[in-house]
Protein backbone atom coordinates (compact mmCIF):
# COMPACT_ATOMS: atom_id res chain seq x y z
CA UNK A 1 118.57 123.17 102.67
CA UNK A 2 115.78 120.99 104.01
CA UNK A 3 116.34 118.45 106.78
CA UNK A 4 114.31 115.25 107.07
CA UNK A 5 113.87 112.49 109.61
CA UNK A 6 114.51 109.00 108.26
CA UNK A 7 110.82 108.35 107.57
CA UNK A 8 110.36 111.71 105.86
CA UNK A 9 113.47 111.12 103.78
CA UNK A 10 112.11 107.77 102.61
CA UNK A 11 108.93 109.50 101.44
CA UNK A 12 110.80 112.29 99.59
CA UNK A 13 113.89 110.69 98.03
CA UNK A 14 113.55 109.97 94.33
CA UNK A 15 115.43 107.55 92.13
CA UNK A 16 119.00 108.72 91.65
CA UNK A 17 119.02 111.10 94.60
CA UNK A 18 121.36 110.85 97.55
CA UNK A 19 120.60 111.42 101.22
CA UNK A 20 123.36 112.54 103.56
CA UNK A 21 123.58 112.77 107.36
CA UNK A 22 125.52 115.59 109.06
CA UNK A 23 128.34 113.14 109.86
CA UNK A 24 128.69 112.22 106.18
CA UNK A 25 126.93 108.87 105.86
CA UNK A 26 125.42 108.73 102.39
CA UNK A 27 122.79 106.55 100.75
CA UNK A 28 121.51 106.63 97.18
CA UNK A 29 118.13 105.49 95.95
CA UNK A 30 118.61 103.07 93.06
CA UNK A 31 116.14 100.91 91.18
CA UNK A 32 117.31 98.11 93.49
CA UNK A 33 116.51 100.03 96.65
CA UNK A 34 118.28 102.33 99.08
CA UNK A 35 122.02 101.56 98.99
CA UNK A 36 124.92 102.78 101.13
CA UNK A 37 127.18 105.01 99.03
CA UNK A 38 130.40 104.95 101.04
CA UNK A 39 132.20 103.34 103.97
CA UNK A 40 132.46 99.69 104.92
CA UNK A 41 128.87 99.03 103.79
CA UNK A 42 129.31 100.69 100.36
CA UNK A 43 127.05 99.00 97.83
CA UNK A 44 125.00 97.15 100.44
CA UNK A 45 121.25 97.61 100.67
CA UNK A 46 120.31 99.74 103.68
CA UNK A 47 118.89 97.72 106.56
CA UNK A 48 116.49 99.73 108.67
CA UNK A 49 117.97 99.85 112.15
CA UNK A 50 116.99 101.84 115.24
CA UNK A 51 119.86 104.30 114.92
CA UNK A 52 118.60 105.49 111.53
CA UNK A 53 115.41 106.82 113.10
CA UNK A 54 117.36 109.37 115.16
CA UNK A 55 119.35 110.73 112.19
CA UNK A 56 118.51 113.78 110.14
CA UNK A 57 119.07 113.75 106.41
CA UNK A 58 119.40 116.14 103.49
CA UNK A 59 118.59 115.09 99.95
CA UNK A 60 120.99 115.98 97.14
CA UNK A 61 121.62 115.17 93.53
CA UNK A 62 124.88 115.35 91.61
CA UNK A 63 126.27 114.26 88.25
CA UNK A 64 126.97 110.75 89.51
CA UNK A 65 123.46 110.27 90.82
CA UNK A 66 121.93 111.67 87.62
CA UNK A 67 122.96 108.48 85.81
CA UNK A 68 120.56 106.51 88.02
CA UNK A 69 117.88 109.18 87.55
CA UNK A 70 117.70 108.56 83.79
CA UNK A 71 114.98 105.94 84.30
CA UNK A 72 113.23 107.94 87.05
CA UNK A 73 110.00 108.73 85.17
CA UNK A 74 109.46 105.15 84.01
CA UNK A 75 110.25 103.81 87.49
CA UNK A 76 107.91 106.26 89.22
CA UNK A 77 105.14 105.51 86.71
CA UNK A 78 105.50 101.78 87.52
CA UNK A 79 105.36 102.56 91.25
CA UNK A 80 102.16 104.57 90.78
CA UNK A 81 100.60 101.79 88.69
CA UNK A 82 101.41 99.22 91.38
CA UNK A 83 99.90 101.46 94.07
CA UNK A 84 96.76 102.05 92.01
CA UNK A 85 96.41 98.32 91.36
CA UNK A 86 96.82 97.50 95.06
CA UNK A 87 94.30 100.18 95.98
CA UNK A 88 91.74 98.96 93.43
CA UNK A 89 92.18 95.36 94.60
CA UNK A 90 91.74 96.34 98.26
CA UNK A 91 88.74 98.52 97.37
CA UNK A 92 87.10 95.68 95.44
CA UNK A 93 87.62 93.27 98.35
CA UNK A 94 86.14 95.83 100.75
CA UNK A 95 83.09 96.35 98.56
CA UNK A 96 82.53 92.62 98.19
CA UNK A 97 82.66 92.10 101.97
CA UNK A 98 80.33 95.02 102.50
CA UNK A 99 77.56 93.63 100.28
CA UNK A 100 74.33 92.93 102.07
CA UNK A 101 73.83 89.16 102.60
CA UNK A 102 70.11 89.61 101.91
CA UNK A 103 70.90 90.89 98.41
CA UNK A 104 72.93 87.78 97.64
CA UNK A 105 70.13 85.44 98.77
CA UNK A 106 67.79 86.82 96.11
CA UNK A 107 63.93 86.65 96.02
C-alpha cells in the first residue's frame, strides 16, 4: 500500500478512484472534481484547507468507483489536450516576446 501527502495524492488519483485517510475520511475523483464520499460533507466538492496538507492518503478503487472510471480514458485525453494547448499558447507567447526588435523593424 502506498501512502501519499495531499499534493502527491492530487497528482496520482485518477477518475473514479478513491483516496482514504487513516481515520476513514474518503474522497472520490469524479468528472466534477474531488468530492467527499461520506460524512456530513458527503457529495460536496472538497475545499482545500490547511488540515488536508498534514493528512496522508491511500488510493483505492472498488466496484462503486469503477462506474465513474468508465469515462476515464476520454476524460484524461481531454485533460492532456487542454495541457498541450495551454503549453503551446504559452510557448508561442514566449517566442513572440523573445523576437529581436531589430528584426521587426526590417531593412
